[in-house]
N, C-alpha and C. Protein backbone atom coordinates (compact mmCIF):
# COMPACT_ATOMS: atom_id res chain seq x y z
N MET A 1 104.76 -9.24 -22.24
CA MET A 1 104.62 -9.37 -20.84
C MET A 1 103.16 -9.61 -20.49
N THR A 2 102.96 -10.63 -20.01
CA THR A 2 101.63 -10.99 -19.61
C THR A 2 101.56 -11.00 -18.11
N ASN A 3 100.60 -10.37 -17.68
CA ASN A 3 100.38 -10.34 -16.22
C ASN A 3 99.40 -11.45 -15.88
N THR A 4 99.85 -12.31 -15.03
CA THR A 4 98.96 -13.39 -14.61
C THR A 4 98.76 -13.28 -13.12
N ILE A 5 97.66 -13.73 -12.75
CA ILE A 5 97.31 -13.70 -11.32
C ILE A 5 96.92 -15.13 -10.96
N LYS A 6 97.34 -15.53 -9.76
CA LYS A 6 97.06 -16.87 -9.29
C LYS A 6 95.97 -16.76 -8.22
N CYS A 7 94.93 -17.64 -8.36
CA CYS A 7 93.82 -17.62 -7.39
C CYS A 7 94.31 -18.23 -6.10
N PRO A 8 94.16 -17.51 -4.99
CA PRO A 8 94.67 -18.05 -3.72
C PRO A 8 93.87 -19.26 -3.25
N LYS A 9 92.73 -19.45 -3.73
CA LYS A 9 91.90 -20.55 -3.24
C LYS A 9 92.16 -21.83 -4.04
N CYS A 10 92.04 -21.70 -5.34
CA CYS A 10 92.15 -22.91 -6.15
C CYS A 10 93.52 -23.04 -6.84
N GLY A 11 94.25 -21.99 -6.89
CA GLY A 11 95.57 -22.00 -7.49
C GLY A 11 95.55 -21.85 -9.00
N HIS A 12 94.50 -21.54 -9.58
CA HIS A 12 94.38 -21.37 -11.02
C HIS A 12 95.00 -20.04 -11.41
N GLU A 13 95.70 -20.05 -12.53
CA GLU A 13 96.34 -18.84 -12.99
C GLU A 13 95.55 -18.29 -14.16
N PHE A 14 95.41 -17.02 -14.16
CA PHE A 14 94.71 -16.38 -15.27
C PHE A 14 95.25 -14.98 -15.45
N GLU A 15 94.88 -14.37 -16.59
CA GLU A 15 95.43 -13.08 -16.92
C GLU A 15 94.71 -12.01 -16.13
N ALA A 16 95.42 -10.95 -15.84
CA ALA A 16 94.91 -9.86 -15.03
C ALA A 16 93.78 -9.15 -15.77
N THR A 17 93.89 -9.03 -17.07
CA THR A 17 92.85 -8.36 -17.83
C THR A 17 91.55 -9.13 -17.75
N ASP A 18 91.66 -10.46 -17.78
CA ASP A 18 90.45 -11.27 -17.64
C ASP A 18 89.82 -11.05 -16.26
N ALA A 19 90.63 -10.94 -15.25
CA ALA A 19 90.14 -10.76 -13.87
C ALA A 19 89.47 -9.40 -13.75
N LEU A 20 90.14 -8.38 -14.34
CA LEU A 20 89.55 -7.04 -14.27
C LEU A 20 88.27 -7.00 -15.10
N LYS A 21 88.35 -7.67 -16.25
CA LYS A 21 87.19 -7.71 -17.09
C LYS A 21 86.03 -8.37 -16.32
N HIS A 22 86.33 -9.49 -15.69
CA HIS A 22 85.31 -10.22 -14.94
C HIS A 22 84.80 -9.37 -13.78
N GLN A 23 85.70 -8.70 -13.09
CA GLN A 23 85.32 -7.85 -11.96
C GLN A 23 84.46 -6.69 -12.44
N ILE A 24 84.79 -6.09 -13.54
CA ILE A 24 84.02 -4.97 -14.10
C ILE A 24 82.65 -5.48 -14.54
N GLU A 25 82.65 -6.66 -15.18
CA GLU A 25 81.37 -7.24 -15.61
C GLU A 25 80.46 -7.48 -14.41
N GLU A 26 81.02 -8.01 -13.35
CA GLU A 26 80.24 -8.26 -12.15
C GLU A 26 79.71 -6.96 -11.56
N GLN A 27 80.57 -5.93 -11.54
CA GLN A 27 80.14 -4.63 -11.01
C GLN A 27 79.03 -4.04 -11.89
N VAL A 28 79.25 -4.09 -13.19
CA VAL A 28 78.25 -3.55 -14.12
C VAL A 28 76.96 -4.35 -13.98
N SER A 29 77.11 -5.68 -13.96
CA SER A 29 75.94 -6.55 -13.82
C SER A 29 75.20 -6.24 -12.52
N ALA A 30 75.92 -6.08 -11.42
CA ALA A 30 75.31 -5.77 -10.12
C ALA A 30 74.64 -4.41 -10.18
N SER A 31 75.29 -3.46 -10.81
CA SER A 31 74.73 -2.11 -10.92
C SER A 31 73.46 -2.14 -11.76
N VAL A 32 73.50 -2.84 -12.90
CA VAL A 32 72.33 -2.94 -13.77
C VAL A 32 71.21 -3.66 -13.02
N GLU A 33 71.61 -4.74 -12.34
CA GLU A 33 70.60 -5.50 -11.59
C GLU A 33 69.99 -4.64 -10.49
N ALA A 34 70.79 -3.85 -9.79
CA ALA A 34 70.28 -2.97 -8.74
C ALA A 34 69.34 -1.94 -9.33
N LYS A 35 69.76 -1.33 -10.47
CA LYS A 35 68.89 -0.35 -11.13
C LYS A 35 67.58 -1.01 -11.56
N HIS A 36 67.72 -2.23 -12.12
CA HIS A 36 66.54 -2.96 -12.59
C HIS A 36 65.61 -3.28 -11.40
N LYS A 37 66.19 -3.75 -10.30
CA LYS A 37 65.38 -4.06 -9.11
C LYS A 37 64.72 -2.80 -8.58
N LYS A 38 65.49 -1.68 -8.59
CA LYS A 38 64.93 -0.41 -8.11
C LYS A 38 63.77 0.02 -9.00
N ARG A 39 63.96 -0.09 -10.33
CA ARG A 39 62.90 0.27 -11.26
C ARG A 39 61.68 -0.65 -11.06
N ILE A 40 61.93 -1.94 -10.87
CA ILE A 40 60.84 -2.90 -10.65
C ILE A 40 60.08 -2.52 -9.37
N ARG A 41 60.86 -2.20 -8.28
CA ARG A 41 60.23 -1.80 -7.02
C ARG A 41 59.38 -0.56 -7.20
N ARG A 42 59.91 0.45 -7.95
CA ARG A 42 59.14 1.67 -8.19
C ARG A 42 57.86 1.37 -8.96
N ARG A 43 58.02 0.56 -10.02
CA ARG A 43 56.84 0.19 -10.81
C ARG A 43 55.84 -0.60 -9.94
N LYS A 44 56.39 -1.52 -9.16
CA LYS A 44 55.53 -2.33 -8.29
C LYS A 44 54.81 -1.42 -7.30
N ASN A 45 55.52 -0.48 -6.68
CA ASN A 45 54.90 0.46 -5.74
C ASN A 45 53.87 1.34 -6.44
N LYS A 46 54.23 1.78 -7.67
CA LYS A 46 53.30 2.60 -8.43
C LYS A 46 52.03 1.81 -8.76
N ILE A 47 52.22 0.58 -9.22
CA ILE A 47 51.07 -0.28 -9.53
C ILE A 47 50.26 -0.56 -8.28
N GLU A 48 50.94 -0.86 -7.19
CA GLU A 48 50.22 -1.12 -5.93
C GLU A 48 49.47 0.13 -5.47
N GLY A 49 50.08 1.30 -5.65
CA GLY A 49 49.41 2.56 -5.31
C GLY A 49 48.16 2.74 -6.16
N LYS A 50 48.32 2.49 -7.47
CA LYS A 50 47.17 2.60 -8.37
C LYS A 50 46.09 1.59 -7.98
N GLN A 51 46.53 0.36 -7.66
CA GLN A 51 45.58 -0.67 -7.26
C GLN A 51 44.86 -0.27 -5.97
N LYS A 52 45.63 0.29 -5.02
CA LYS A 52 45.01 0.73 -3.77
C LYS A 52 43.99 1.84 -4.04
N LYS A 53 44.40 2.80 -4.90
CA LYS A 53 43.48 3.88 -5.25
C LYS A 53 42.24 3.32 -5.94
N GLU A 54 42.45 2.42 -6.89
CA GLU A 54 41.34 1.81 -7.62
C GLU A 54 40.46 1.00 -6.66
N PHE A 55 41.11 0.26 -5.76
CA PHE A 55 40.37 -0.52 -4.77
C PHE A 55 39.54 0.41 -3.88
N THR A 56 40.14 1.49 -3.43
CA THR A 56 39.44 2.46 -2.59
C THR A 56 38.28 3.08 -3.36
N LYS A 57 38.55 3.44 -4.62
CA LYS A 57 37.51 4.03 -5.48
C LYS A 57 36.36 3.04 -5.66
N LEU A 58 36.69 1.79 -5.98
CA LEU A 58 35.66 0.77 -6.18
C LEU A 58 34.90 0.49 -4.87
N THR A 59 35.63 0.46 -3.76
CA THR A 59 34.99 0.24 -2.47
C THR A 59 34.01 1.38 -2.16
N ASN A 60 34.44 2.61 -2.45
CA ASN A 60 33.55 3.77 -2.24
C ASN A 60 32.32 3.69 -3.15
N GLN A 61 32.54 3.30 -4.42
CA GLN A 61 31.42 3.16 -5.35
C GLN A 61 30.45 2.09 -4.87
N ILE A 62 31.00 0.97 -4.41
CA ILE A 62 30.14 -0.11 -3.88
C ILE A 62 29.36 0.39 -2.68
N SER A 63 30.04 1.10 -1.80
CA SER A 63 29.37 1.64 -0.62
C SER A 63 28.26 2.61 -1.01
N GLU A 64 28.56 3.49 -1.98
CA GLU A 64 27.55 4.44 -2.46
C GLU A 64 26.37 3.70 -3.09
N LEU A 65 26.66 2.67 -3.89
CA LEU A 65 25.59 1.89 -4.52
C LEU A 65 24.74 1.16 -3.48
N LEU A 66 25.40 0.62 -2.46
CA LEU A 66 24.65 -0.04 -1.38
C LEU A 66 23.78 0.97 -0.64
N ASP A 67 24.34 2.15 -0.37
CA ASP A 67 23.55 3.20 0.29
C ASP A 67 22.36 3.60 -0.57
N GLU A 68 22.59 3.76 -1.87
CA GLU A 68 21.52 4.13 -2.79
C GLU A 68 20.46 3.03 -2.85
N THR A 69 20.92 1.78 -2.87
CA THR A 69 19.99 0.64 -2.88
C THR A 69 19.14 0.65 -1.61
N LYS A 70 19.77 0.87 -0.46
CA LYS A 70 19.03 0.93 0.80
C LYS A 70 18.02 2.07 0.78
N ARG A 71 18.46 3.22 0.27
CA ARG A 71 17.57 4.38 0.20
C ARG A 71 16.39 4.09 -0.71
N LEU A 72 16.65 3.48 -1.87
CA LEU A 72 15.57 3.15 -2.81
C LEU A 72 14.62 2.11 -2.22
N ARG A 73 15.18 1.12 -1.52
CA ARG A 73 14.32 0.12 -0.88
C ARG A 73 13.44 0.76 0.18
N ALA A 74 14.05 1.64 0.98
CA ALA A 74 13.27 2.33 2.01
C ALA A 74 12.17 3.17 1.36
N LYS A 75 12.52 3.84 0.27
CA LYS A 75 11.55 4.67 -0.45
C LYS A 75 10.42 3.78 -1.00
N ASP A 76 10.78 2.63 -1.57
CA ASP A 76 9.77 1.69 -2.07
C ASP A 76 8.88 1.19 -0.94
N GLU A 77 9.49 0.87 0.19
CA GLU A 77 8.70 0.41 1.34
C GLU A 77 7.75 1.52 1.81
N ASP A 78 8.28 2.75 1.86
CA ASP A 78 7.42 3.87 2.27
C ASP A 78 6.28 4.05 1.27
N ARG A 79 6.59 3.94 -0.01
CA ARG A 79 5.58 4.07 -1.06
C ARG A 79 4.54 2.96 -0.94
N GLU A 80 5.01 1.74 -0.67
CA GLU A 80 4.09 0.61 -0.52
C GLU A 80 3.20 0.80 0.71
N ILE A 81 3.78 1.26 1.80
CA ILE A 81 3.00 1.53 3.01
C ILE A 81 1.97 2.61 2.73
N GLU A 82 2.37 3.66 2.02
CA GLU A 82 1.45 4.74 1.68
C GLU A 82 0.32 4.23 0.79
N MET A 83 0.65 3.37 -0.18
CA MET A 83 -0.38 2.81 -1.06
C MET A 83 -1.36 1.95 -0.26
N LYS A 84 -0.83 1.14 0.66
CA LYS A 84 -1.70 0.31 1.49
C LYS A 84 -2.60 1.18 2.34
N ARG A 85 -2.03 2.27 2.89
CA ARG A 85 -2.83 3.17 3.72
C ARG A 85 -3.94 3.80 2.87
N LYS A 86 -3.58 4.24 1.65
CA LYS A 86 -4.58 4.86 0.76
C LYS A 86 -5.66 3.84 0.40
N LEU A 87 -5.25 2.60 0.13
CA LEU A 87 -6.23 1.56 -0.20
C LEU A 87 -7.16 1.30 0.99
N MET A 88 -6.58 1.27 2.18
CA MET A 88 -7.41 1.05 3.38
C MET A 88 -8.37 2.22 3.57
N ASP A 89 -7.87 3.44 3.36
CA ASP A 89 -8.73 4.62 3.49
C ASP A 89 -9.86 4.56 2.46
N GLU A 90 -9.50 4.21 1.23
CA GLU A 90 -10.50 4.13 0.15
C GLU A 90 -11.51 3.03 0.46
N GLU A 91 -11.02 1.92 0.96
CA GLU A 91 -11.92 0.81 1.32
C GLU A 91 -12.87 1.24 2.42
N GLU A 92 -12.34 1.94 3.41
CA GLU A 92 -13.18 2.43 4.51
C GLU A 92 -14.21 3.42 3.99
N LYS A 93 -13.80 4.29 3.07
CA LYS A 93 -14.70 5.27 2.46
C LYS A 93 -15.82 4.56 1.71
N ILE A 94 -15.45 3.54 0.94
CA ILE A 94 -16.46 2.78 0.19
C ILE A 94 -17.41 2.07 1.14
N LYS A 95 -16.87 1.48 2.20
CA LYS A 95 -17.73 0.81 3.19
C LYS A 95 -18.72 1.80 3.80
N LEU A 96 -18.22 3.00 4.12
CA LEU A 96 -19.07 4.03 4.71
C LEU A 96 -20.16 4.44 3.72
N GLU A 97 -19.78 4.64 2.45
CA GLU A 97 -20.77 5.01 1.43
C GLU A 97 -21.83 3.92 1.27
N VAL A 98 -21.39 2.66 1.25
CA VAL A 98 -22.33 1.54 1.10
C VAL A 98 -23.26 1.50 2.31
N LYS A 99 -22.69 1.70 3.49
CA LYS A 99 -23.50 1.69 4.71
C LYS A 99 -24.53 2.82 4.68
N GLN A 100 -24.08 4.02 4.28
CA GLN A 100 -25.00 5.16 4.20
C GLN A 100 -26.10 4.90 3.17
N LYS A 101 -25.72 4.35 2.03
CA LYS A 101 -26.71 4.06 1.00
C LYS A 101 -27.70 3.02 1.50
N PHE A 102 -27.21 2.00 2.18
CA PHE A 102 -28.09 0.97 2.73
C PHE A 102 -29.04 1.58 3.75
N GLU A 103 -28.49 2.44 4.63
CA GLU A 103 -29.34 3.08 5.64
C GLU A 103 -30.39 3.98 4.99
N GLU A 104 -29.98 4.72 3.94
CA GLU A 104 -30.93 5.58 3.24
C GLU A 104 -32.03 4.74 2.60
N GLU A 105 -31.64 3.64 1.95
CA GLU A 105 -32.64 2.77 1.33
C GLU A 105 -33.55 2.17 2.39
N HIS A 106 -32.96 1.78 3.50
CA HIS A 106 -33.73 1.20 4.60
C HIS A 106 -34.72 2.24 5.16
N GLU A 107 -34.22 3.47 5.34
CA GLU A 107 -35.09 4.55 5.83
C GLU A 107 -36.21 4.81 4.83
N LEU A 108 -35.88 4.80 3.54
CA LEU A 108 -36.89 5.02 2.51
C LEU A 108 -37.94 3.91 2.54
N LYS A 109 -37.51 2.67 2.66
CA LYS A 109 -38.44 1.55 2.73
C LYS A 109 -39.30 1.66 3.99
N ASP A 110 -38.65 2.02 5.12
CA ASP A 110 -39.41 2.20 6.37
C ASP A 110 -40.44 3.31 6.20
N SER A 111 -40.02 4.41 5.56
CA SER A 111 -40.93 5.53 5.34
C SER A 111 -42.10 5.10 4.46
N GLU A 112 -41.79 4.34 3.40
CA GLU A 112 -42.85 3.85 2.52
C GLU A 112 -43.81 2.95 3.30
N LYS A 113 -43.25 2.07 4.14
CA LYS A 113 -44.09 1.18 4.94
C LYS A 113 -44.96 1.98 5.91
N GLU A 114 -44.33 2.99 6.53
CA GLU A 114 -45.08 3.83 7.47
C GLU A 114 -46.21 4.56 6.74
N ASN A 115 -45.91 5.07 5.54
CA ASN A 115 -46.95 5.76 4.75
C ASN A 115 -48.07 4.80 4.37
N LYS A 116 -47.70 3.59 3.95
CA LYS A 116 -48.72 2.59 3.60
C LYS A 116 -49.56 2.24 4.82
N LEU A 117 -48.87 2.07 5.95
CA LEU A 117 -49.58 1.74 7.20
C LEU A 117 -50.52 2.89 7.58
N LYS A 118 -50.04 4.13 7.47
CA LYS A 118 -50.85 5.30 7.80
C LYS A 118 -52.06 5.36 6.87
N ASP A 119 -51.80 5.13 5.56
CA ASP A 119 -52.91 5.13 4.59
C ASP A 119 -53.93 4.04 4.93
N ALA A 120 -53.42 2.85 5.30
CA ALA A 120 -54.32 1.76 5.65
C ALA A 120 -55.13 2.10 6.89
N LEU A 121 -54.44 2.70 7.89
CA LEU A 121 -55.15 3.10 9.12
C LEU A 121 -56.19 4.18 8.81
N ASP A 122 -55.83 5.12 7.91
CA ASP A 122 -56.79 6.16 7.52
C ASP A 122 -58.00 5.53 6.84
N GLN A 123 -57.73 4.56 5.97
CA GLN A 123 -58.83 3.87 5.28
C GLN A 123 -59.71 3.13 6.29
N ILE A 124 -59.07 2.49 7.26
CA ILE A 124 -59.83 1.79 8.30
C ILE A 124 -60.71 2.77 9.05
N GLU A 125 -60.13 3.93 9.41
CA GLU A 125 -60.91 4.95 10.12
C GLU A 125 -62.08 5.43 9.27
N ASN A 126 -61.81 5.67 7.98
CA ASN A 126 -62.88 6.09 7.06
C ASN A 126 -63.97 5.02 6.99
N LEU A 127 -63.53 3.76 6.89
CA LEU A 127 -64.51 2.68 6.83
C LEU A 127 -65.32 2.60 8.13
N LYS A 128 -64.63 2.77 9.26
CA LYS A 128 -65.33 2.75 10.56
C LYS A 128 -66.35 3.87 10.60
N THR A 129 -65.90 5.06 10.16
CA THR A 129 -66.80 6.22 10.16
C THR A 129 -67.99 5.94 9.25
N ARG A 130 -67.76 5.40 8.08
CA ARG A 130 -68.84 5.07 7.17
C ARG A 130 -69.78 4.04 7.79
N ILE A 131 -69.15 3.05 8.39
CA ILE A 131 -69.97 2.01 9.02
C ILE A 131 -70.82 2.61 10.11
N GLN A 132 -70.19 3.46 10.93
CA GLN A 132 -70.94 4.10 12.01
C GLN A 132 -72.05 4.98 11.45
N GLN A 133 -71.66 5.73 10.38
CA GLN A 133 -72.69 6.58 9.77
C GLN A 133 -73.79 5.72 9.17
N GLY A 134 -73.35 4.65 8.51
CA GLY A 134 -74.33 3.74 7.93
C GLY A 134 -75.16 3.10 9.02
N SER A 135 -74.51 2.72 10.09
CA SER A 135 -75.22 2.10 11.21
C SER A 135 -76.15 3.11 11.85
N GLN A 136 -75.67 4.34 12.02
CA GLN A 136 -76.53 5.39 12.59
C GLN A 136 -77.69 5.69 11.66
N GLN A 137 -77.37 5.71 10.37
CA GLN A 137 -78.43 5.97 9.39
C GLN A 137 -79.46 4.83 9.45
N SER A 138 -78.91 3.61 9.51
CA SER A 138 -79.82 2.45 9.60
C SER A 138 -80.63 2.53 10.88
N GLN A 139 -79.95 2.88 11.96
CA GLN A 139 -80.66 3.00 13.23
C GLN A 139 -81.70 4.11 13.14
N GLY A 140 -81.27 5.22 12.50
CA GLY A 140 -82.19 6.35 12.33
C GLY A 140 -83.38 5.93 11.49
N GLU A 141 -83.13 5.24 10.40
CA GLU A 141 -84.21 4.79 9.54
C GLU A 141 -85.10 3.80 10.28
N THR A 142 -84.45 2.93 11.01
CA THR A 142 -85.23 1.96 11.79
C THR A 142 -86.08 2.67 12.83
N LEU A 143 -85.45 3.64 13.52
CA LEU A 143 -86.21 4.41 14.52
C LEU A 143 -87.31 5.20 13.84
N GLU A 144 -87.00 5.73 12.68
CA GLU A 144 -88.01 6.50 11.95
C GLU A 144 -89.18 5.59 11.55
N LEU A 145 -88.84 4.42 11.09
CA LEU A 145 -89.90 3.48 10.73
C LEU A 145 -90.71 3.07 11.96
N GLU A 146 -90.02 2.83 13.04
CA GLU A 146 -90.73 2.47 14.28
C GLU A 146 -91.61 3.63 14.72
N LEU A 147 -91.01 4.81 14.66
CA LEU A 147 -91.77 6.00 15.06
C LEU A 147 -92.98 6.19 14.16
N GLU A 148 -92.80 6.01 12.90
CA GLU A 148 -93.89 6.14 11.95
C GLU A 148 -94.96 5.07 12.23
N SER A 149 -94.48 3.90 12.49
CA SER A 149 -95.41 2.81 12.78
C SER A 149 -96.16 3.08 14.07
N LYS A 150 -95.48 3.54 15.07
CA LYS A 150 -96.14 3.83 16.36
C LYS A 150 -97.07 5.02 16.19
N THR A 151 -96.60 6.00 15.41
CA THR A 151 -97.46 7.16 15.18
C THR A 151 -98.72 6.70 14.46
N GLN A 152 -98.64 5.92 13.49
CA GLN A 152 -99.81 5.44 12.77
C GLN A 152 -100.68 4.62 13.72
N GLU A 153 -100.09 3.86 14.51
CA GLU A 153 -100.84 3.06 15.45
C GLU A 153 -101.60 3.95 16.42
N ARG A 154 -100.97 4.94 16.89
CA ARG A 154 -101.62 5.87 17.82
C ARG A 154 -102.71 6.63 17.10
N VAL A 155 -102.31 7.06 15.91
CA VAL A 155 -103.31 7.81 15.17
C VAL A 155 -104.50 6.86 14.91
N SER A 156 -104.22 5.71 14.52
CA SER A 156 -105.34 4.84 14.23
C SER A 156 -106.05 4.45 15.53
N ASN A 157 -105.41 4.38 16.61
CA ASN A 157 -106.06 4.05 17.89
C ASN A 157 -106.86 5.27 18.33
N ARG A 158 -106.45 6.39 18.09
CA ARG A 158 -107.16 7.58 18.50
C ARG A 158 -108.35 7.78 17.61
N TYR A 159 -108.13 7.59 16.46
CA TYR A 159 -109.25 7.85 15.54
C TYR A 159 -109.76 6.52 15.05
N ASN A 160 -109.82 5.75 15.64
CA ASN A 160 -110.24 4.42 15.30
C ASN A 160 -111.24 4.46 14.18
N PHE A 161 -110.78 4.37 13.08
CA PHE A 161 -111.58 4.53 11.91
C PHE A 161 -112.34 3.26 11.69
N GLY A 162 -112.70 2.77 11.61
CA GLY A 162 -113.44 1.62 11.20
C GLY A 162 -113.90 0.72 12.30
N SER A 163 -113.81 1.10 13.39
CA SER A 163 -114.34 0.20 14.37
C SER A 163 -115.53 0.72 15.01
């Protein structure tokens, strides 16, 4: 006894066991496919979750690195500004020292010139005094000679010796 079933659409006759077999295969295939799709969805969601976590982690790391880079740049800029300020201060200090040294040398030269001038003026005064003394001495000697000459003249006029 064979059980046959006729397809209402096409009219094809086939055995009932084949139909059940085909129906069971389709159910099993659909069930396996559903399980497979569900497993794929879970894996896909798991992978996407991991990717999102990894993306978030990498984004945070990039953000931290950018922040660190900004901080280091700011620190470098501050250090450079500080170095420039120190260089300017040192330059100003050197300029001041050079100026002071120049002024000291200038004062020393002025002092030396003043001393030389004072010495020259002292020498001039000494020479004037000597000249005056010499002139007075000469005048004194001249007056003495005149006086002696006049005295002799008077003496000889008074005692006119030989006349």
